[in-house]
Amino acid sequence: MIPKKIHQIYFPWNGPFEDIPIFVKSRKIILDLHPDWEYKLWGEEESLELVRKHAPDMELFYLGLRYNIQRVDFIKFLVLKVHGGFYVDLDSYCIKPFDDLIGKRFILHTLQHMLPDHKEFVQNDFMASEPNFKFWDIIFKEIVTNYNEKSSNPIYDQWKGRFVLQTTGPRFLSRVVKNVLPSYKPHKVVWTKWRNNNWERFDRNDYYFESFQTGSWLSDVSPSLKANKLFNKNENREDSDR
């Protein structure tokens, strides 16, 4: 059973958390809709403490990851393994409480029903599990081998964003799921307008979260990569799109 815990993560490569309206609003909506749930916003120091306490043999790997977003991805997995609960990216808005999801043991979601040509089988912006779910042990075994293999390929010195997706992000997660849980059917719990010309066919109220897929991590990986237009530290542009 998934515990009534909610986790979000913020590492300040875009400046102070309070200066990013979409992130502040994401947290506020979750707290407002889940007043009796345990909530934690994980920062860099708490995340490193988590690694040192619960995965000390992986501390050097964690610190040696090439980009900050890869450490965030790593912490997503570790938080769920240790504490269980729900992990939600900060560029998502909660639509309705998810009390009726806690009876499940493990939740990964897909966007492929909305985006049929989308390459990723599952996403890592919303995940949930009971504590010590065995899948996370497999993730931590595979992540090191996969990362070392991809790091040795010089193409990823140029394809920096793709390197993240393939080593700690949703493409890595999708491969592991397909290999070890071949019959797993991802949940359809996240609604988005991102790269989606058919969003009006899907009732937003049928979903638990709206994902804006801002790509706020991209500029930290490479100056040539840009977050999408919805991410702006000074205004909440996504509100004007509805």
C-alpha atoms as a PDB file:
ATOM      1  CA  MET A   1       0.000   0.000   0.000  1.00  0.00           C
ATOM      2  CA  ILE A   2       1.327   3.441  -0.942  1.00  0.00           C
ATOM      3  CA  PRO A   3       1.652   5.688   2.133  1.00  0.00           C
ATOM      4  CA  LYS A   4       0.101   9.132   2.301  1.00  0.00           C
ATOM      5  CA  LYS A   5       3.353  10.946   1.570  1.00  0.00           C
ATOM      6  CA  ILE A   6       4.133  13.453  -1.166  1.00  0.00           C
ATOM      7  CA  HIS A   7       7.655  14.310  -2.324  1.00  0.00           C
ATOM      8  CA  GLN A   8       8.918  17.104  -4.548  1.00  0.00           C
ATOM      9  CA  ILE A   9      12.535  18.062  -5.240  1.00  0.00           C
ATOM     10  CA  TYR A  10      14.194  21.408  -5.875  1.00  0.00           C
ATOM     11  CA  PHE A  11      17.870  22.031  -6.581  1.00  0.00           C
ATOM     12  CA  PRO A  12      18.413  25.781  -7.117  1.00  0.00           C
ATOM     13  CA  TRP A  13      20.046  26.002 -10.521  1.00  0.00           C
ATOM     14  CA  ASN A  14      17.238  28.395 -11.553  1.00  0.00           C
ATOM     15  CA  GLY A  15      17.605  30.549  -8.449  1.00  0.00           C
ATOM     16  CA  PRO A  16      15.569  30.586  -5.227  1.00  0.00           C
ATOM     17  CA  PHE A  17      12.487  28.388  -5.153  1.00  0.00           C
ATOM     18  CA  GLU A  18      10.295  31.323  -4.117  1.00  0.00           C
ATOM     19  CA  ASP A  19      11.186  33.173  -7.350  1.00  0.00           C
ATOM     20  CA  ILE A  20       9.576  30.548  -9.591  1.00  0.00           C
ATOM     21  CA  PRO A  21       5.784  30.984  -9.552  1.00  0.00           C
ATOM     22  CA  ILE A  22       4.911  27.718 -11.281  1.00  0.00           C
ATOM     23  CA  PHE A  23       6.872  25.757  -8.662  1.00  0.00           C
ATOM     24  CA  VAL A  24       5.428  27.700  -5.741  1.00  0.00           C
ATOM     25  CA  LYS A  25       1.911  27.166  -7.082  1.00  0.00           C
ATOM     26  CA  SER A  26       2.527  23.462  -7.675  1.00  0.00           C
ATOM     27  CA  ARG A  27       3.426  22.969  -4.025  1.00  0.00           C
ATOM     28  CA  LYS A  28       0.549  25.136  -2.772  1.00  0.00           C
ATOM     29  CA  ILE A  29      -2.087  23.240  -4.757  1.00  0.00           C
ATOM     30  CA  ILE A  30      -0.797  19.895  -3.517  1.00  0.00           C
ATOM     31  CA  LEU A  31      -0.792  21.067   0.085  1.00  0.00           C
ATOM     32  CA  ASP A  32      -4.269  22.554  -0.232  1.00  0.00           C
ATOM     33  CA  LEU A  33      -5.691  19.333  -1.685  1.00  0.00           C
ATOM     34  CA  HIS A  34      -3.908  17.009   0.773  1.00  0.00           C
ATOM     35  CA  PRO A  35      -4.036  18.761   4.170  1.00  0.00           C
ATOM     36  CA  ASP A  36      -3.617  15.559   6.186  1.00  0.00           C
ATOM     37  CA  TRP A  37      -0.785  14.081   4.111  1.00  0.00           C
ATOM     38  CA  GLU A  38       2.927  14.164   4.909  1.00  0.00           C
ATOM     39  CA  TYR A  39       4.754  16.487   2.498  1.00  0.00           C
ATOM     40  CA  LYS A  40       8.460  17.142   1.925  1.00  0.00           C
ATOM     41  CA  LEU A  41      10.314  19.375  -0.507  1.00  0.00           C
ATOM     42  CA  TRP A  42      13.767  17.832  -0.843  1.00  0.00           C
ATOM     43  CA  GLY A  43      16.760  20.134  -1.306  1.00  0.00           C
ATOM     44  CA  GLU A  44      20.379  19.367  -2.132  1.00  0.00           C
ATOM     45  CA  GLU A  45      21.558  18.900   1.453  1.00  0.00           C
ATOM     46  CA  GLU A  46      18.684  16.621   2.482  1.00  0.00           C
ATOM     47  CA  SER A  47      19.145  14.627  -0.703  1.00  0.00           C
ATOM     48  CA  LEU A  48      22.832  14.044  -0.067  1.00  0.00           C
ATOM     49  CA  GLU A  49      22.042  13.015   3.511  1.00  0.00           C
ATOM     50  CA  LEU A  50      19.518  10.525   2.137  1.00  0.00           C
ATOM     51  CA  VAL A  51      22.171   9.003  -0.121  1.00  0.00           C
ATOM     52  CA  ARG A  52      24.742   8.820   2.672  1.00  0.00           C
ATOM     53  CA  LYS A  53      22.291   7.137   5.021  1.00  0.00           C
ATOM     54  CA  HIS A  54      20.466   4.750   2.705  1.00  0.00           C
ATOM     55  CA  ALA A  55      22.787   4.245  -0.277  1.00  0.00           C
ATOM     56  CA  PRO A  56      26.319   4.984   1.013  1.00  0.00           C
ATOM     57  CA  ASP A  57      27.896   2.677  -1.554  1.00  0.00           C
ATOM     58  CA  MET A  58      26.437   4.915  -4.293  1.00  0.00           C
ATOM     59  CA  GLU A  59      27.551   8.280  -2.902  1.00  0.00           C
ATOM     60  CA  LEU A  60      30.531   8.629  -5.251  1.00  0.00           C
ATOM     61  CA  PHE A  61      28.369   7.634  -8.205  1.00  0.00           C
ATOM     62  CA  TYR A  62      25.722  10.161  -7.183  1.00  0.00           C
ATOM     63  CA  LEU A  63      28.224  12.992  -6.746  1.00  0.00           C
ATOM     64  CA  GLY A  64      29.952  12.085  -9.996  1.00  0.00           C
ATOM     65  CA  LEU A  65      26.863  12.354 -12.162  1.00  0.00           C
ATOM     66  CA  ARG A  66      27.491  14.806 -14.950  1.00  0.00           C
ATOM     67  CA  TYR A  67      24.471  17.079 -14.456  1.00  0.00           C
ATOM     68  CA  ASN A  68      22.328  18.310 -11.579  1.00  0.00           C
ATOM     69  CA  ILE A  69      19.144  16.961 -13.140  1.00  0.00           C
ATOM     70  CA  GLN A  70      20.636  13.470 -13.063  1.00  0.00           C
ATOM     71  CA  ARG A  71      21.087  13.778  -9.307  1.00  0.00           C
ATOM     72  CA  VAL A  72      17.471  14.910  -9.039  1.00  0.00           C
ATOM     73  CA  ASP A  73      16.365  11.873 -11.064  1.00  0.00           C
ATOM     74  CA  PHE A  74      18.426   9.627  -8.806  1.00  0.00           C
ATOM     75  CA  ILE A  75      16.829  11.104  -5.689  1.00  0.00           C
ATOM     76  CA  LYS A  76      13.348  10.542  -7.115  1.00  0.00           C
ATOM     77  CA  PHE A  77      14.036   6.796  -7.179  1.00  0.00           C
ATOM     78  CA  LEU A  78      15.751   6.744  -3.779  1.00  0.00           C
ATOM     79  CA  VAL A  79      13.019   8.723  -2.009  1.00  0.00           C
ATOM     80  CA  LEU A  80      10.387   6.260  -3.206  1.00  0.00           C
ATOM     81  CA  LYS A  81      12.508   3.251  -2.292  1.00  0.00           C
ATOM     82  CA  VAL A  82      13.187   4.504   1.242  1.00  0.00           C
ATOM     83  CA  HIS A  83       9.998   6.333   2.148  1.00  0.00           C
ATOM     84  CA  GLY A  84       7.409   5.324  -0.416  1.00  0.00           C
ATOM     85  CA  GLY A  85       4.602   7.686  -1.354  1.00  0.00           C
ATOM     86  CA  PHE A  86       4.080   9.904  -4.385  1.00  0.00           C
ATOM     87  CA  TYR A  87       6.746  11.842  -6.257  1.00  0.00           C
ATOM     88  CA  VAL A  88       5.572  14.823  -8.351  1.00  0.00           C
ATOM     89  CA  ASP A  89       7.624  17.188 -10.528  1.00  0.00           C
ATOM     90  CA  LEU A  90       7.285  20.870  -9.670  1.00  0.00           C
ATOM     91  CA  ASP A  91       6.108  21.789 -13.164  1.00  0.00           C
ATOM     92  CA  SER A  92       2.874  19.856 -12.572  1.00  0.00           C
ATOM     93  CA  TYR A  93      -0.397  21.023 -11.069  1.00  0.00           C
ATOM     94  CA  CYS A  94      -2.495  18.656  -8.999  1.00  0.00           C
ATOM     95  CA  ILE A  95      -6.044  18.453 -10.361  1.00  0.00           C
ATOM     96  CA  LYS A  96      -7.677  16.386  -7.637  1.00  0.00           C
ATOM     97  CA  PRO A  97      -6.644  14.503  -4.495  1.00  0.00           C
ATOM     98  CA  PHE A  98      -5.314  11.016  -5.066  1.00  0.00           C
ATOM     99  CA  ASP A  99      -6.543   9.291  -1.931  1.00  0.00           C
ATOM    100  CA  ASP A 100      -8.047   6.526  -4.059  1.00  0.00           C
ATOM    101  CA  LEU A 101      -4.582   5.663  -5.453  1.00  0.00           C
ATOM    102  CA  ILE A 102      -3.007   4.694  -2.141  1.00  0.00           C
ATOM    103  CA  GLY A 103      -4.418   1.162  -2.315  1.00  0.00           C
ATOM    104  CA  LYS A 104      -1.976   0.358  -5.119  1.00  0.00           C
ATOM    105  CA  ARG A 105       1.609  -0.808  -4.632  1.00  0.00           C
ATOM    106  CA  PHE A 106       3.361   0.832  -7.593  1.00  0.00           C
ATOM    107  CA  ILE A 107       2.409   3.515 -10.113  1.00  0.00           C
ATOM    108  CA  LEU A 108       4.180   4.669 -13.240  1.00  0.00           C
ATOM    109  CA  HIS A 109       2.337   6.667 -15.859  1.00  0.00           C
ATOM    110  CA  THR A 110       2.346   7.043 -19.613  1.00  0.00           C
ATOM    111  CA  LEU A 111       1.507   9.837 -22.043  1.00  0.00           C
ATOM    112  CA  GLN A 112       1.311   7.551 -25.058  1.00  0.00           C
ATOM    113  CA  HIS A 113      -2.499   7.456 -25.054  1.00  0.00           C
ATOM    114  CA  MET A 114      -2.428  11.228 -25.557  1.00  0.00           C
ATOM    115  CA  LEU A 115       0.752  11.299 -27.636  1.00  0.00           C
ATOM    116  CA  PRO A 116       0.808   8.085 -29.720  1.00  0.00           C
ATOM    117  CA  ASP A 117       4.167   8.927 -31.318  1.00  0.00           C
ATOM    118  CA  HIS A 118       5.869   9.688 -28.021  1.00  0.00           C
ATOM    119  CA  LYS A 119       9.012   7.568 -27.648  1.00  0.00           C
ATOM    120  CA  GLU A 120       8.896   7.059 -23.907  1.00  0.00           C
ATOM    121  CA  PHE A 121       6.809   4.187 -22.545  1.00  0.00           C
ATOM    122  CA  VAL A 122       6.649   5.731 -19.054  1.00  0.00           C
ATOM    123  CA  GLN A 123       7.550   9.077 -17.520  1.00  0.00           C
ATOM    124  CA  ASN A 124       9.414   9.940 -14.330  1.00  0.00           C
ATOM    125  CA  ASP A 125       7.621  13.198 -13.469  1.00  0.00           C
ATOM    126  CA  PHE A 126       4.944  11.380 -11.446  1.00  0.00           C
ATOM    127  CA  MET A 127       5.689   8.060  -9.729  1.00  0.00           C
ATOM    128  CA  ALA A 128       4.502   6.269  -6.621  1.00  0.00           C
ATOM    129  CA  SER A 129       5.188   3.102  -4.682  1.00  0.00           C
ATOM    130  CA  GLU A 130       5.121   1.454  -1.309  1.00  0.00           C
ATOM    131  CA  PRO A 131       8.443   1.605   0.592  1.00  0.00           C
ATOM    132  CA  ASN A 132      11.146  -0.911  -0.382  1.00  0.00           C
ATOM    133  CA  PHE A 133       9.367  -1.939  -3.555  1.00  0.00           C
ATOM    134  CA  LYS A 134      11.753  -4.367  -5.282  1.00  0.00           C
ATOM    135  CA  PHE A 135      11.661  -2.560  -8.609  1.00  0.00           C
ATOM    136  CA  TRP A 136      13.833   0.216  -7.181  1.00  0.00           C
ATOM    137  CA  ASP A 137      16.597  -2.275  -6.326  1.00  0.00           C
ATOM    138  CA  ILE A 138      16.682  -3.197 -10.009  1.00  0.00           C
ATOM    139  CA  ILE A 139      16.777   0.475 -10.981  1.00  0.00           C
ATOM    140  CA  PHE A 140      19.825   1.119  -8.789  1.00  0.00           C
ATOM    141  CA  LYS A 141      21.605  -1.901 -10.213  1.00  0.00           C
ATOM    142  CA  GLU A 142      20.880  -0.933 -13.819  1.00  0.00           C
ATOM    143  CA  ILE A 143      21.512   2.785 -13.444  1.00  0.00           C
ATOM    144  CA  VAL A 144      25.250   2.379 -12.809  1.00  0.00           C
ATOM    145  CA  THR A 145      25.872  -0.019 -15.690  1.00  0.00           C
ATOM    146  CA  ASN A 146      23.766   2.022 -18.070  1.00  0.00           C
ATOM    147  CA  TYR A 147      25.335   5.330 -17.048  1.00  0.00           C
ATOM    148  CA  ASN A 148      28.876   4.062 -17.477  1.00  0.00           C
ATOM    149  CA  GLU A 149      28.032   2.610 -20.858  1.00  0.00           C
ATOM    150  CA  LYS A 150      26.451   5.838 -22.127  1.00  0.00           C
ATOM    151  CA  SER A 151      29.215   8.000 -20.636  1.00  0.00           C
ATOM    152  CA  SER A 152      31.800   6.231 -22.759  1.00  0.00           C
ATOM    153  CA  ASN A 153      29.953   7.122 -25.967  1.00  0.00           C
ATOM    154  CA  PRO A 154      31.354  10.414 -27.326  1.00  0.00           C
ATOM    155  CA  ILE A 155      28.096  11.237 -29.112  1.00  0.00           C
ATOM    156  CA  TYR A 156      26.636  12.257 -25.772  1.00  0.00           C
ATOM    157  CA  ASP A 157      29.208  15.012 -25.442  1.00  0.00           C
ATOM    158  CA  GLN A 158      27.043  16.690 -28.090  1.00  0.00           C
ATOM    159  CA  TRP A 159      23.627  15.197 -27.313  1.00  0.00           C
ATOM    160  CA  LYS A 160      23.570  16.415 -23.736  1.00  0.00           C
ATOM    161  CA  GLY A 161      19.815  16.477 -23.230  1.00  0.00           C
ATOM    162  CA  ARG A 162      19.460  13.025 -24.725  1.00  0.00           C
ATOM    163  CA  PHE A 163      22.229  11.810 -22.425  1.00  0.00           C
ATOM    164  CA  VAL A 164      20.064  12.758 -19.434  1.00  0.00           C
ATOM    165  CA  LEU A 165      16.983  11.055 -20.869  1.00  0.00           C
ATOM    166  CA  GLN A 166      18.943   7.877 -21.598  1.00  0.00           C
ATOM    167  CA  THR A 167      20.871   7.602 -18.318  1.00  0.00           C
ATOM    168  CA  THR A 168      18.549   8.686 -15.497  1.00  0.00           C
ATOM    169  CA  GLY A 169      15.448  10.019 -17.224  1.00  0.00           C
ATOM    170  CA  PRO A 170      12.301   8.519 -18.730  1.00  0.00           C
ATOM    171  CA  ARG A 171      14.005   6.650 -21.571  1.00  0.00           C
ATOM    172  CA  PHE A 172      16.187   4.812 -19.078  1.00  0.00           C
ATOM    173  CA  LEU A 173      13.178   4.120 -16.854  1.00  0.00           C
ATOM    174  CA  SER A 174      11.134   2.919 -19.828  1.00  0.00           C
ATOM    175  CA  ARG A 175      13.783   0.413 -20.875  1.00  0.00           C
ATOM    176  CA  VAL A 176      14.013  -1.062 -17.391  1.00  0.00           C
ATOM    177  CA  VAL A 177      10.236  -1.376 -17.114  1.00  0.00           C
ATOM    178  CA  LYS A 178       9.961  -3.115 -20.471  1.00  0.00           C
ATOM    179  CA  ASN A 179      12.791  -5.502 -19.587  1.00  0.00           C
ATOM    180  CA  VAL A 180      11.754  -6.517 -16.081  1.00  0.00           C
ATOM    181  CA  LEU A 181       7.997  -5.850 -16.136  1.00  0.00           C
ATOM    182  CA  PRO A 182       7.060  -6.693 -19.721  1.00  0.00           C
ATOM    183  CA  SER A 183       3.345  -7.005 -18.955  1.00  0.00           C
ATOM    184  CA  TYR A 184       3.134  -3.801 -16.907  1.00  0.00           C
ATOM    185  CA  LYS A 185       0.406  -1.396 -18.013  1.00  0.00           C
ATOM    186  CA  PRO A 186       1.224   2.201 -17.054  1.00  0.00           C
ATOM    187  CA  HIS A 187      -1.466   4.347 -15.488  1.00  0.00           C
ATOM    188  CA  LYS A 188      -3.149   7.204 -17.305  1.00  0.00           C
ATOM    189  CA  VAL A 189      -3.133   9.831 -14.577  1.00  0.00           C
ATOM    190  CA  VAL A 190      -1.395  12.887 -16.094  1.00  0.00           C
ATOM    191  CA  TRP A 191      -2.980  15.325 -18.552  1.00  0.00           C
ATOM    192  CA  THR A 192      -0.931  17.657 -20.731  1.00  0.00           C
ATOM    193  CA  LYS A 193      -1.066  20.082 -23.622  1.00  0.00           C
ATOM    194  CA  TRP A 194       2.650  19.522 -24.240  1.00  0.00           C
ATOM    195  CA  ARG A 195       3.260  18.485 -27.867  1.00  0.00           C
ATOM    196  CA  ASN A 196      -0.376  17.484 -27.914  1.00  0.00           C
ATOM    197  CA  ASN A 197      -2.766  18.695 -30.597  1.00  0.00           C
ATOM    198  CA  ASN A 198      -5.522  16.418 -29.337  1.00  0.00           C
ATOM    199  CA  TRP A 199      -5.761  17.574 -25.715  1.00  0.00           C
ATOM    200  CA  GLU A 200      -9.388  18.702 -26.103  1.00  0.00           C
ATOM    201  CA  ARG A 201     -10.372  15.067 -26.643  1.00  0.00           C
ATOM    202  CA  PHE A 202      -9.320  14.274 -23.073  1.00  0.00           C
ATOM    203  CA  ASP A 203     -11.241  15.603 -20.087  1.00  0.00           C
ATOM    204  CA  ARG A 204      -8.719  17.235 -17.745  1.00  0.00           C
ATOM    205  CA  ASN A 205     -10.916  16.398 -14.754  1.00  0.00           C
ATOM    206  CA  ASP A 206     -10.414  12.674 -15.379  1.00  0.00           C
ATOM    207  CA  TYR A 207      -6.734  13.036 -14.443  1.00  0.00           C
ATOM    208  CA  TYR A 208      -4.810  13.679 -11.241  1.00  0.00           C
ATOM    209  CA  PHE A 209      -2.158  16.063 -12.527  1.00  0.00           C
ATOM    210  CA  GLU A 210      -1.503  18.423 -15.390  1.00  0.00           C
ATOM    211  CA  SER A 211       2.100  18.371 -16.578  1.00  0.00           C
ATOM    212  CA  PHE A 212       3.568  21.443 -18.268  1.00  0.00           C
ATOM    213  CA  GLN A 213       6.845  19.718 -19.219  1.00  0.00           C
ATOM    214  CA  THR A 214       8.712  23.013 -18.912  1.00  0.00           C
ATOM    215  CA  GLY A 215      12.185  21.578 -19.425  1.00  0.00           C
ATOM    216  CA  SER A 216      13.468  23.865 -16.667  1.00  0.00           C
ATOM    217  CA  TRP A 217      16.599  21.699 -16.380  1.00  0.00           C
ATOM    218  CA  LEU A 218      17.705  22.085 -19.997  1.00  0.00           C
ATOM    219  CA  SER A 219      19.704  25.303 -19.719  1.00  0.00           C
ATOM    220  CA  ASP A 220      21.644  23.866 -16.779  1.00  0.00           C
ATOM    221  CA  VAL A 221      22.746  21.009 -19.023  1.00  0.00           C
ATOM    222  CA  SER A 222      23.711  23.193 -21.979  1.00  0.00           C
ATOM    223  CA  PRO A 223      23.357  26.906 -22.840  1.00  0.00           C
ATOM    224  CA  SER A 224      22.070  25.865 -26.273  1.00  0.00           C
ATOM    225  CA  LEU A 225      19.078  24.052 -24.728  1.00  0.00           C
ATOM    226  CA  LYS A 226      16.115  26.173 -23.718  1.00  0.00           C
ATOM    227  CA  ALA A 227      13.143  25.626 -21.435  1.00  0.00           C
ATOM    228  CA  ASN A 228       9.798  25.924 -23.159  1.00  0.00           C
ATOM    229  CA  LYS A 229       7.834  29.174 -23.111  1.00  0.00           C
ATOM    230  CA  LEU A 230       5.762  28.114 -20.094  1.00  0.00           C
ATOM    231  CA  PHE A 231       8.750  28.339 -17.782  1.00  0.00           C
ATOM    232  CA  ASN A 232       9.359  31.873 -16.637  1.00  0.00           C
ATOM    233  CA  LYS A 233      10.590  32.959 -13.228  1.00  0.00           C
ATOM    234  CA  ASN A 234       8.647  36.228 -13.361  1.00  0.00           C
ATOM    235  CA  GLU A 235       5.171  35.236 -14.448  1.00  0.00           C
ATOM    236  CA  ASN A 236       2.885  32.243 -14.590  1.00  0.00           C
ATOM    237  CA  ARG A 237       2.284  32.108 -18.308  1.00  0.00           C
ATOM    238  CA  GLU A 238       0.507  28.764 -18.254  1.00  0.00           C
ATOM    239  CA  ASP A 239      -2.456  30.361 -16.480  1.00  0.00           C
ATOM    240  CA  SER A 240      -3.140  32.499 -19.522  1.00  0.00           C
ATOM    241  CA  ASP A 241      -3.198  29.458 -21.804  1.00  0.00           C
ATOM    242  CA  ARG A 242      -6.392  28.026 -20.351  1.00  0.00           C
END
